[in-house]
């Protein structure tokens, strides 16, 4: 059976549309105002060119893995993480999608195999599908530049490298992100904890005879030392969690918020 490529549709569309945006600057004279001193800038795009760029990106992935079995995964608002923390991604409030994005997505959903789930980000969709038992038999590969995908126990193609991530490595990265936060996604993690400190904290983890670790205890103690609570740590952990199959209620189509085991 051929491998299944789980492609970050949000990312691919964004990159393709952004690549063909062009700024045009021109001067006009309007009435008694000489606009030569203040040229007008107009941003334009070409949906045909954007589609060509996108098709080329996807074909390269098909060629690289010698399969056309795929799902382009997309986000579907409203993001459930806003119910965990209303300030989630507030830093992106004034950002915009590239021109042609909406038009191109409509084309892609008509021409490719696509998947979205209500209230989830594309990352979550890829994570859930990749960890579904039936899909795992098809050797899924997540195609994404997002570092957060390292918290999914599967194969991930990122920055030209194919990584095989174990469950232990995925759990570690989830706790790592809980500590350091993610400025691009707008959750702050634990104050005063950067990458080096987080690595040191998580290097002191012990495993008992039943395979359970004290990772969560270490994370909570770190938050408490910073003057925060276990609930603060749990909120950040839930924001950092990229959903797996075990985090999704397929009957109600709702996420199951993460809790320490």
Protein backbone atom coordinates (compact mmCIF):
# COMPACT_ATOMS: atom_id res chain seq x y z
CA UNK A 1 0.00 0.00 0.00
CA UNK A 2 1.32 3.43 -0.96
CA UNK A 3 2.17 6.00 1.66
CA UNK A 4 -0.36 8.69 2.48
CA UNK A 5 0.87 12.29 2.30
CA UNK A 6 -0.84 14.64 4.75
CA UNK A 7 -0.09 18.07 3.32
CA UNK A 8 -0.51 21.32 5.25
CA UNK A 9 -2.97 22.99 2.90
CA UNK A 10 -2.98 26.27 4.85
CA UNK A 11 0.78 26.56 4.50
CA UNK A 12 0.96 25.53 0.83
CA UNK A 13 -1.79 27.93 -0.22
CA UNK A 14 -0.31 30.79 1.77
CA UNK A 15 3.13 30.32 0.25
CA UNK A 16 1.80 29.99 -3.30
CA UNK A 17 -0.41 33.08 -3.08
CA UNK A 18 2.24 35.17 -1.33
CA UNK A 19 4.81 34.22 -3.97
CA UNK A 20 2.88 35.91 -6.79
CA UNK A 21 1.84 39.09 -5.02
CA UNK A 22 3.34 42.14 -6.68
CA UNK A 23 3.50 45.72 -5.54
CA UNK A 24 2.98 48.42 -8.16
CA UNK A 25 3.98 52.02 -7.47
CA UNK A 26 2.87 54.92 -9.63
CA UNK A 27 2.58 58.69 -9.43
CA UNK A 28 -0.48 60.81 -10.21
CA UNK A 29 -1.42 64.46 -10.17
CA UNK A 30 -4.85 65.06 -8.65
CA UNK A 31 -6.25 68.60 -8.73
CA UNK A 32 -3.80 70.97 -7.15
CA UNK A 33 -2.08 68.21 -5.19
CA UNK A 34 1.10 66.85 -6.68
CA UNK A 35 1.12 63.19 -5.70
CA UNK A 36 4.60 62.77 -7.17
CA UNK A 37 5.85 63.38 -3.66
CA UNK A 38 3.58 60.65 -2.30
CA UNK A 39 3.37 57.79 -4.84
CA UNK A 40 0.46 55.39 -4.65
CA UNK A 41 1.24 51.74 -3.94
CA UNK A 42 -1.12 49.03 -5.20
CA UNK A 43 -0.83 45.35 -4.35
CA UNK A 44 -1.87 42.93 -7.06
CA UNK A 45 -1.95 39.21 -7.66
CA UNK A 46 -2.67 36.65 -10.36
CA UNK A 47 -4.73 33.56 -9.48
CA UNK A 48 -3.50 31.65 -12.53
CA UNK A 49 0.12 32.16 -11.50
CA UNK A 50 -0.70 31.26 -7.90
CA UNK A 51 -2.27 27.99 -9.05
CA UNK A 52 0.79 27.20 -11.16
CA UNK A 53 3.08 27.75 -8.16
CA UNK A 54 0.88 25.60 -5.95
CA UNK A 55 0.67 22.76 -8.49
CA UNK A 56 4.45 22.77 -8.83
CA UNK A 57 4.91 22.63 -5.05
CA UNK A 58 2.54 19.67 -4.75
CA UNK A 59 4.04 17.82 -7.72
CA UNK A 60 7.50 18.08 -6.14
CA UNK A 61 6.16 16.38 -3.03
CA UNK A 62 4.47 13.67 -5.10
CA UNK A 63 7.72 13.04 -6.97
CA UNK A 64 9.83 13.05 -3.82
CA UNK A 65 7.78 10.31 -2.17
CA UNK A 66 6.74 8.52 -5.37
CA UNK A 67 3.05 8.59 -4.54
CA UNK A 68 0.03 10.70 -5.33
CA UNK A 69 -1.97 9.43 -2.35
CA UNK A 70 -2.69 12.61 -0.44
CA UNK A 71 -4.93 14.75 1.70
CA UNK A 72 -4.57 18.52 1.73
CA UNK A 73 -5.55 19.52 5.26
CA UNK A 74 -7.14 22.87 6.05
CA UNK A 75 -8.24 24.85 9.07
CA UNK A 76 -11.94 25.32 9.78
CA UNK A 77 -12.94 28.19 12.11
CA UNK A 78 -13.83 28.95 14.81
CA UNK A 79 -10.67 27.62 16.45
CA UNK A 80 -11.52 25.63 19.58
CA UNK A 81 -8.44 27.04 21.36
CA UNK A 82 -10.25 30.36 21.77
CA UNK A 83 -12.46 28.58 24.31
CA UNK A 84 -9.31 27.60 26.22
CA UNK A 85 -7.85 31.11 26.09
CA UNK A 86 -9.66 33.97 24.28
CA UNK A 87 -6.29 35.73 23.70
CA UNK A 88 -4.94 32.85 21.61
CA UNK A 89 -3.32 34.21 18.42
CA UNK A 90 -4.27 37.78 19.31
CA UNK A 91 -0.92 38.75 17.81
CA UNK A 92 -2.35 37.87 14.40
CA UNK A 93 -5.50 39.96 14.77
CA UNK A 94 -4.41 42.49 12.13
CA UNK A 95 -2.71 40.04 9.78
CA UNK A 96 -4.21 39.15 6.42
CA UNK A 97 -4.15 36.20 4.05
CA UNK A 98 -2.46 36.80 0.68
CA UNK A 99 -4.57 37.91 -2.26
CA UNK A 100 -6.21 35.05 -4.20
CA UNK A 101 -6.15 32.79 -1.13
CA UNK A 102 -9.92 32.27 -0.91
CA UNK A 103 -10.32 31.80 -4.67
CA UNK A 104 -7.44 29.33 -4.82
CA UNK A 105 -8.74 27.31 -1.89
CA UNK A 106 -12.05 26.85 -3.70
CA UNK A 107 -10.17 25.54 -6.74
CA UNK A 108 -8.03 23.21 -4.65
CA UNK A 109 -11.00 21.73 -2.80
CA UNK A 110 -12.55 20.93 -6.19
CA UNK A 111 -9.41 19.41 -7.71
CA UNK A 112 -7.58 17.66 -4.83
CA UNK A 113 -8.48 15.36 -1.97
CA UNK A 114 -8.94 17.70 0.98
CA UNK A 115 -9.88 17.39 4.63
CA UNK A 116 -10.96 19.74 7.38
CA UNK A 117 -12.68 19.19 10.72
CA UNK A 118 -14.95 21.69 12.49
CA UNK A 119 -13.14 24.06 14.84
CA UNK A 120 -9.69 22.61 14.15
CA UNK A 121 -6.49 23.93 12.62
CA UNK A 122 -4.82 22.12 9.76
CA UNK A 123 -2.15 20.95 12.24
CA UNK A 124 -4.80 19.17 14.28
CA UNK A 125 -6.36 17.55 11.22
CA UNK A 126 -2.98 16.15 10.16
CA UNK A 127 -2.22 15.02 13.71
CA UNK A 128 -5.54 13.20 14.14
CA UNK A 129 -5.37 11.44 10.78
CA UNK A 130 -1.71 10.46 11.16
CA UNK A 131 -2.37 8.78 14.52
CA UNK A 132 -5.57 6.98 13.49
CA UNK A 133 -4.89 3.26 13.74
CA UNK A 134 -6.24 2.44 10.28
CA UNK A 135 -4.21 5.22 8.66
CA UNK A 136 -1.01 4.26 10.45
CA UNK A 137 -0.94 1.09 8.34
CA UNK A 138 -0.52 3.35 5.30
CA UNK A 139 2.72 4.91 6.65
CA UNK A 140 1.42 8.51 6.74
CA UNK A 141 3.87 11.37 6.27
CA UNK A 142 3.03 14.88 7.44
CA UNK A 143 4.30 17.52 5.01
CA UNK A 144 4.71 20.76 6.95
CA UNK A 145 7.32 23.31 7.93
CA UNK A 146 5.59 23.90 11.28
CA UNK A 147 7.87 22.83 14.13
CA UNK A 148 4.79 21.96 16.21
CA UNK A 149 4.32 18.82 14.13
CA UNK A 150 7.23 17.33 16.06
CA UNK A 151 4.67 16.70 18.81
CA UNK A 152 2.92 14.08 16.66
CA UNK A 153 4.25 10.49 16.76
CA UNK A 154 4.57 9.83 13.04
CA UNK A 155 6.83 10.69 10.11
CA UNK A 156 7.24 14.38 9.33
CA UNK A 157 8.85 15.97 6.28
CA UNK A 158 10.25 19.33 7.40
CA UNK A 159 13.07 21.51 6.07
CA UNK A 160 14.17 18.84 3.61
CA UNK A 161 14.41 16.13 6.27
CA UNK A 162 12.20 13.12 6.91
CA UNK A 163 11.91 12.61 10.66
CA UNK A 164 10.45 9.60 12.42
CA UNK A 165 9.06 10.79 15.73
CA UNK A 166 8.37 8.31 18.50
CA UNK A 167 5.58 8.76 21.02
CA UNK A 168 8.13 9.55 23.74
CA UNK A 169 9.75 12.24 21.55
CA UNK A 170 6.34 13.68 20.69
CA UNK A 171 5.33 13.85 24.36
CA UNK A 172 8.64 15.51 25.20
CA UNK A 173 8.15 18.16 22.53
CA UNK A 174 4.63 18.88 23.76
CA UNK A 175 5.97 19.59 27.26
CA UNK A 176 8.85 21.59 25.77
CA UNK A 177 6.38 23.84 23.95
CA UNK A 178 4.29 24.12 27.12
CA UNK A 179 7.33 25.56 28.87
CA UNK A 180 8.72 27.87 26.17
CA UNK A 181 5.46 28.91 24.50
CA UNK A 182 5.13 29.96 20.89
CA UNK A 183 5.11 33.65 19.95
CA UNK A 184 3.87 32.90 16.43
CA UNK A 185 0.77 31.20 17.85
CA UNK A 186 0.34 33.73 20.63
CA UNK A 187 0.69 31.60 23.75
CA UNK A 188 3.41 32.59 26.17
CA UNK A 189 4.48 29.46 28.04
CA UNK A 190 6.17 29.85 31.41
CA UNK A 191 7.71 33.27 32.14
CA UNK A 192 11.49 33.21 32.23
CA UNK A 193 11.82 29.83 30.54
CA UNK A 194 13.63 29.72 27.22
CA UNK A 195 14.83 26.80 25.13
CA UNK A 196 18.01 26.14 27.11
CA UNK A 197 16.26 26.18 30.48
CA UNK A 198 13.40 24.02 29.18
CA UNK A 199 15.87 21.44 27.88
CA UNK A 200 17.60 21.35 31.26
CA UNK A 201 14.31 20.92 33.12
CA UNK A 202 13.18 18.11 30.86
CA UNK A 203 16.57 16.39 30.95
CA UNK A 204 15.95 15.58 34.61
CA UNK A 205 12.96 13.35 33.89
CA UNK A 206 12.65 9.92 35.47
CA UNK A 207 10.56 6.94 34.37
CA UNK A 208 9.01 4.46 36.80
CA UNK A 209 8.59 0.70 36.35
CA UNK A 210 5.25 1.22 34.60
CA UNK A 211 6.71 3.58 32.02
CA UNK A 212 5.26 6.74 33.57
CA UNK A 213 7.41 9.85 33.72
CA UNK A 214 7.48 12.82 36.06
CA UNK A 215 7.51 15.28 33.16
CA UNK A 216 4.24 16.95 34.09
CA UNK A 217 5.32 17.31 37.71
CA UNK A 218 8.48 19.08 36.53
CA UNK A 219 6.47 21.42 34.32
CA UNK A 220 4.01 22.28 37.12
CA UNK A 221 6.83 22.96 39.61
CA UNK A 222 8.47 25.28 37.07
CA UNK A 223 5.23 27.25 36.70
CA UNK A 224 4.80 27.42 40.47
CA UNK A 225 8.34 28.75 40.87
CA UNK A 226 7.35 31.52 38.45
CA UNK A 227 4.42 32.43 40.71
CA UNK A 228 1.78 30.69 38.61
CA UNK A 229 -0.46 27.68 39.18
CA UNK A 230 -1.01 24.19 37.82
CA UNK A 231 -4.09 25.53 36.04
CA UNK A 232 -1.89 28.08 34.26
CA UNK A 233 0.37 25.25 33.14
CA UNK A 234 -2.62 23.19 32.01
CA UNK A 235 -3.98 26.07 29.92
CA UNK A 236 -0.64 26.45 28.15
CA UNK A 237 -0.38 22.68 27.64
CA UNK A 238 -3.83 22.62 26.03
CA UNK A 239 -2.90 25.47 23.71
CA UNK A 240 0.37 23.73 22.78
CA UNK A 241 -1.26 20.36 22.18
CA UNK A 242 -1.58 19.40 18.52
CA UNK A 243 -4.44 16.94 18.53
CA UNK A 244 -3.95 13.21 18.07
CA UNK A 245 -6.63 10.61 17.49
CA UNK A 246 -6.98 10.16 21.26
CA UNK A 247 -7.78 13.89 21.56
CA UNK A 248 -10.75 13.78 19.19
CA UNK A 249 -14.32 12.64 19.80
CA UNK A 250 -15.31 11.32 16.40
CA UNK A 251 -18.97 10.97 17.42
CA UNK A 252 -19.56 14.54 18.58
CA UNK A 253 -16.87 16.05 16.29
CA UNK A 254 -15.30 17.85 19.25
CA UNK A 255 -11.79 17.96 20.68
CA UNK A 256 -11.01 16.26 23.98
CA UNK A 257 -8.98 18.77 25.96
CA UNK A 258 -5.62 17.38 27.07
CA UNK A 259 -5.18 16.24 30.67
CA UNK A 260 -2.07 14.79 32.30
CA UNK A 261 -2.33 11.03 32.71
